Amino acid sequence: MSSIEVRIPRKQRKRPVSCAASDFLSKKKIVSPGDTISEASDYMRGHGTFVDDDKIVASVTGTVEIVNKLISVKPLKTRYNGEVGDVVVGRIKEVGQKRWKVDTFAKLDSVLMLSSVNLPGGELRRRSVQDELMMRDVLSEGDLISAEVQSIFSDGCLSLHTRSQKYGKLEEGLLVQVSPSFIKRCKTHFHDLSCGVSVIIGNNGYIWIQPHEDNKVNNRTIIPEFVHAFVLLS
């Protein structure tokens, strides 16, 4: 009786992903801890990476960013890092002296100065003591607003403004929060959709969804569907 030879396949070890650094820059790939980003010696490691056997390896899950020869990984779950000109959606946390503190999911509370908002009726004049006393009539704790990043203080705090008709207090809608890393900076973050819904996509990961003013009743069922879609995509 002839013998039968049985060969058991060996389990192959999973090799770390290795790719040219330029590929990550062009395709915005997502890496996981342990993935090799670059084997070239002319690159320098940045945040979210470490060096192992002369290779730059990811230490967190995120997207690869390359500035000149510096490689870093931007975590998917991170606080909002604002830039001048960003469109944000925020919530009023505190009313102070000539300013509002706004939660924009940044490391520090953002600031909206009294001089950086439009007065009721669109008046163009210097703010008075009476305006300061009436600040809660304009915006109070818990109110949601859309605004633009006007400047950044030395400590990283964002200074906002709403001096435009498209910015200001938000009402009769729903707020959805996603990771800021999912939001790309675009020319416009205000979208009026043909289904009767308006969407403000904040660079800080706060998304505001509201019905068009002329069709509020028919869109009460559409808005929850949009909220569910954004949550699934995030």
Protein backbone atom coordinates (compact mmCIF):
# COMPACT_ATOMS: atom_id res chain seq x y z
CA MET A 1 0.00 0.00 0.00
CA SER A 2 1.53 3.27 -1.09
CA SER A 3 1.91 6.07 1.42
CA ILE A 4 0.11 9.37 0.98
CA GLU A 5 2.06 12.54 1.54
CA VAL A 6 0.07 15.32 3.16
CA ARG A 7 1.39 18.86 3.08
CA ILE A 8 0.01 21.36 5.55
CA PRO A 9 0.20 24.92 4.23
CA ARG A 10 2.15 27.25 6.43
CA LYS A 11 0.41 30.30 7.75
CA GLN A 12 2.05 33.31 6.23
CA ARG A 13 2.93 36.17 8.52
CA LYS A 14 1.22 39.42 7.79
CA ARG A 15 3.75 41.85 6.47
CA PRO A 16 3.51 45.54 7.32
CA VAL A 17 2.21 47.76 4.57
CA SER A 18 5.01 49.56 2.81
CA CYS A 19 4.49 52.25 0.25
CA ALA A 20 6.26 55.22 -1.21
CA ALA A 21 5.63 58.34 0.86
CA SER A 22 4.50 60.21 -2.24
CA ASP A 23 1.66 57.70 -2.69
CA PHE A 24 0.21 58.63 0.70
CA LEU A 25 0.41 62.31 -0.20
CA SER A 26 -1.48 61.90 -3.46
CA LYS A 27 -4.08 59.36 -2.30
CA LYS A 28 -4.57 60.39 1.36
CA LYS A 29 -4.42 56.78 2.51
CA ILE A 30 -5.40 55.74 6.00
CA VAL A 31 -2.74 53.88 7.98
CA SER A 32 -2.91 51.79 11.13
CA PRO A 33 -0.34 51.39 13.93
CA GLY A 34 2.58 49.34 12.63
CA ASP A 35 2.15 50.24 8.95
CA THR A 36 5.41 51.25 7.27
CA ILE A 37 5.01 54.65 5.61
CA SER A 38 8.45 55.19 4.13
CA GLU A 39 11.77 53.40 3.90
CA ALA A 40 13.59 56.38 2.42
CA SER A 41 16.24 57.90 4.66
CA ASP A 42 15.69 61.46 3.44
CA TYR A 43 12.33 61.80 5.26
CA MET A 44 11.93 62.97 8.85
CA ARG A 45 9.37 61.59 11.28
CA GLY A 46 6.69 63.78 12.81
CA HIS A 47 3.72 63.34 15.16
CA GLY A 48 2.04 59.96 15.03
CA THR A 49 5.11 58.10 13.75
CA PHE A 50 8.24 56.37 15.02
CA VAL A 51 11.42 54.96 13.48
CA ASP A 52 12.02 51.20 13.33
CA ASP A 53 15.03 49.81 11.43
CA ASP A 54 15.42 53.06 9.51
CA LYS A 55 11.75 52.93 8.49
CA ILE A 56 9.10 55.50 9.40
CA VAL A 57 6.17 53.61 10.93
CA ALA A 58 2.71 54.82 11.96
CA SER A 59 1.94 54.81 15.69
CA VAL A 60 -1.73 55.86 15.40
CA THR A 61 -4.63 55.28 13.01
CA GLY A 62 -5.07 58.24 10.70
CA THR A 63 -4.17 59.91 7.41
CA VAL A 64 -0.61 60.61 6.34
CA GLU A 65 0.43 64.23 5.90
CA ILE A 66 3.73 65.22 4.28
CA VAL A 67 5.13 68.75 4.49
CA ASN A 68 8.42 69.05 2.62
CA LYS A 69 10.30 66.06 4.07
CA LEU A 70 8.37 65.81 7.35
CA ILE A 71 5.97 62.88 7.63
CA SER A 72 3.22 62.87 10.25
CA VAL A 73 -0.03 61.00 10.82
CA LYS A 74 -3.18 62.97 11.62
CA PRO A 75 -5.35 60.87 13.96
CA LEU A 76 -8.91 60.18 12.84
CA LYS A 77 -10.22 61.01 16.31
CA THR A 78 -8.77 64.40 17.11
CA ARG A 79 -9.80 67.86 18.20
CA TYR A 80 -10.45 70.56 15.62
CA ASN A 81 -7.37 72.53 14.60
CA GLY A 82 -8.74 75.70 13.05
CA GLU A 83 -7.39 77.91 10.30
CA VAL A 84 -8.30 81.46 9.32
CA GLY A 85 -11.23 81.41 6.90
CA ASP A 86 -12.72 78.13 8.16
CA VAL A 87 -16.49 77.84 8.39
CA VAL A 88 -17.57 76.45 11.77
CA VAL A 89 -20.77 75.54 13.57
CA GLY A 90 -20.64 76.09 17.32
CA ARG A 91 -22.66 76.28 20.52
CA ILE A 92 -22.65 79.27 22.89
CA LYS A 93 -21.21 78.16 26.25
CA GLU A 94 -20.91 81.42 28.15
CA VAL A 95 -21.82 85.09 27.84
CA GLY A 96 -19.03 87.31 29.15
CA GLN A 97 -17.89 90.90 28.97
CA LYS A 98 -18.24 91.97 25.33
CA ARG A 99 -17.75 88.39 24.17
CA TRP A 100 -19.29 84.95 23.90
CA LYS A 101 -17.44 81.70 24.51
CA VAL A 102 -18.25 79.15 21.82
CA ASP A 103 -17.74 75.38 21.76
CA THR A 104 -16.28 74.50 18.35
CA PHE A 105 -14.71 71.14 19.37
CA ALA A 106 -11.29 72.82 19.51
CA LYS A 107 -8.80 72.37 22.35
CA LEU A 108 -9.82 75.77 23.73
CA ASP A 109 -13.19 77.51 23.66
CA SER A 110 -13.49 79.88 20.72
CA VAL A 111 -14.34 83.56 21.21
CA LEU A 112 -16.97 85.66 19.45
CA MET A 113 -16.54 89.34 20.25
CA LEU A 114 -19.50 91.71 20.45
CA SER A 115 -17.81 93.84 17.80
CA SER A 116 -17.70 90.80 15.47
CA VAL A 117 -21.47 90.30 15.16
CA ASN A 118 -24.12 92.17 13.22
CA LEU A 119 -26.38 94.35 15.34
CA PRO A 120 -30.16 93.83 15.12
CA GLY A 121 -31.44 95.56 12.01
CA GLY A 122 -27.99 95.56 10.43
CA GLU A 123 -26.94 98.86 12.02
CA LEU A 124 -23.35 99.92 11.42
CA ARG A 125 -22.13 101.77 14.52
CA ARG A 126 -19.89 101.38 17.52
CA ARG A 127 -21.13 99.05 20.24
CA SER A 128 -22.43 100.83 23.31
CA VAL A 129 -22.94 99.87 26.95
CA GLN A 130 -26.58 99.20 26.13
CA ASP A 131 -25.53 96.69 23.46
CA GLU A 132 -23.41 94.89 26.05
CA LEU A 133 -26.35 94.68 28.45
CA MET A 134 -28.53 93.22 25.69
CA MET A 135 -26.06 90.51 24.60
CA ARG A 136 -28.29 87.65 25.78
CA ASP A 137 -31.05 88.98 23.54
CA VAL A 138 -28.73 88.37 20.59
CA LEU A 139 -27.16 85.06 21.64
CA SER A 140 -27.57 83.15 24.90
CA GLU A 141 -26.17 79.94 26.38
CA GLY A 142 -27.07 76.89 24.31
CA ASP A 143 -27.70 78.75 21.06
CA LEU A 144 -26.16 77.30 17.90
CA ILE A 145 -24.40 79.55 15.40
CA SER A 146 -22.52 79.39 12.13
CA ALA A 147 -19.42 81.58 11.94
CA GLU A 148 -16.05 82.06 10.30
CA VAL A 149 -12.61 81.92 11.89
CA GLN A 150 -11.34 85.51 11.79
CA SER A 151 -7.99 85.10 13.55
CA ILE A 152 -6.07 82.84 15.92
CA PHE A 153 -4.64 84.04 19.23
CA SER A 154 -1.13 83.13 20.36
CA ASP A 155 -2.47 80.41 22.69
CA GLY A 156 -4.39 78.76 19.83
CA CYS A 157 -7.81 80.16 20.75
CA LEU A 158 -9.97 80.92 17.71
CA SER A 159 -11.57 84.32 17.19
CA LEU A 160 -14.83 84.11 15.24
CA HIS A 161 -17.05 86.57 13.40
CA THR A 162 -20.60 86.49 12.01
CA ARG A 163 -20.46 89.72 9.99
CA SER A 164 -22.20 88.22 6.98
CA GLN A 165 -25.79 87.40 6.10
CA LYS A 166 -24.96 83.70 5.76
CA TYR A 167 -23.65 83.48 9.33
CA GLY A 168 -25.51 83.85 12.61
CA LYS A 169 -27.96 82.03 14.86
CA LEU A 170 -29.25 78.63 13.73
CA GLU A 171 -32.81 77.53 14.42
CA GLU A 172 -35.22 74.70 13.56
CA GLY A 173 -32.75 72.03 12.52
CA LEU A 174 -30.59 69.18 13.77
CA LEU A 175 -26.89 69.05 14.65
CA VAL A 176 -24.67 66.11 13.71
CA GLN A 177 -21.09 65.67 14.92
CA VAL A 178 -18.40 63.79 12.99
CA SER A 179 -14.62 63.75 13.26
CA PRO A 180 -13.05 66.95 11.85
CA SER A 181 -10.60 64.76 9.94
CA PHE A 182 -13.47 63.71 7.65
CA ILE A 183 -14.16 67.31 6.56
CA LYS A 184 -12.21 68.76 3.65
CA ARG A 185 -11.73 72.49 3.21
CA CYS A 186 -13.81 73.56 0.21
CA LYS A 187 -14.83 76.77 -1.49
CA THR A 188 -18.31 76.54 -0.02
CA HIS A 189 -19.68 74.75 3.03
CA PHE A 190 -23.29 75.91 2.55
CA HIS A 191 -25.44 73.61 0.41
CA ASP A 192 -29.10 73.91 -0.63
CA LEU A 193 -30.22 70.48 -1.80
CA SER A 194 -33.00 69.83 -4.29
CA CYS A 195 -34.86 67.64 -1.77
CA GLY A 196 -35.67 70.72 0.31
CA VAL A 197 -32.86 70.52 2.87
CA SER A 198 -30.05 72.98 3.61
CA VAL A 199 -26.76 71.71 5.03
CA ILE A 200 -23.89 73.61 6.66
CA ILE A 201 -20.76 71.46 6.85
CA GLY A 202 -18.47 72.99 9.46
CA ASN A 203 -14.74 72.44 9.21
CA ASN A 204 -14.85 71.55 12.91
CA GLY A 205 -16.95 68.43 12.30
CA TYR A 206 -20.29 69.97 13.33
CA ILE A 207 -22.90 69.62 10.57
CA TRP A 208 -26.15 71.57 10.66
CA ILE A 209 -29.19 70.24 8.77
CA GLN A 210 -32.36 72.28 8.39
CA PRO A 211 -35.38 72.39 6.03
CA HIS A 212 -35.89 75.12 3.49
CA GLU A 213 -38.07 77.89 4.89
CA ASP A 214 -40.76 77.41 2.22
CA ASN A 215 -41.14 73.66 2.81
CA LYS A 216 -40.65 72.92 6.51
CA VAL A 217 -43.53 70.51 7.08
CA ASN A 218 -42.75 68.07 4.25
CA ASN A 219 -39.10 67.75 5.26
CA ARG A 220 -39.56 66.57 8.83
CA THR A 221 -39.02 62.99 7.71
CA ILE A 222 -36.17 63.79 5.33
CA ILE A 223 -33.91 65.44 7.92
CA PRO A 224 -33.64 62.34 10.19
CA GLU A 225 -32.65 60.33 7.11
CA PHE A 226 -29.82 62.79 6.42
CA VAL A 227 -28.71 62.58 10.05
CA HIS A 228 -28.65 58.79 9.85
CA ALA A 229 -26.64 58.92 6.61
CA PHE A 230 -24.00 61.24 8.09
CA VAL A 231 -23.67 59.02 11.16
CA LEU A 232 -23.19 55.92 9.02
CA LEU A 233 -20.58 57.62 6.83
CA SER A 234 -18.60 58.73 9.87
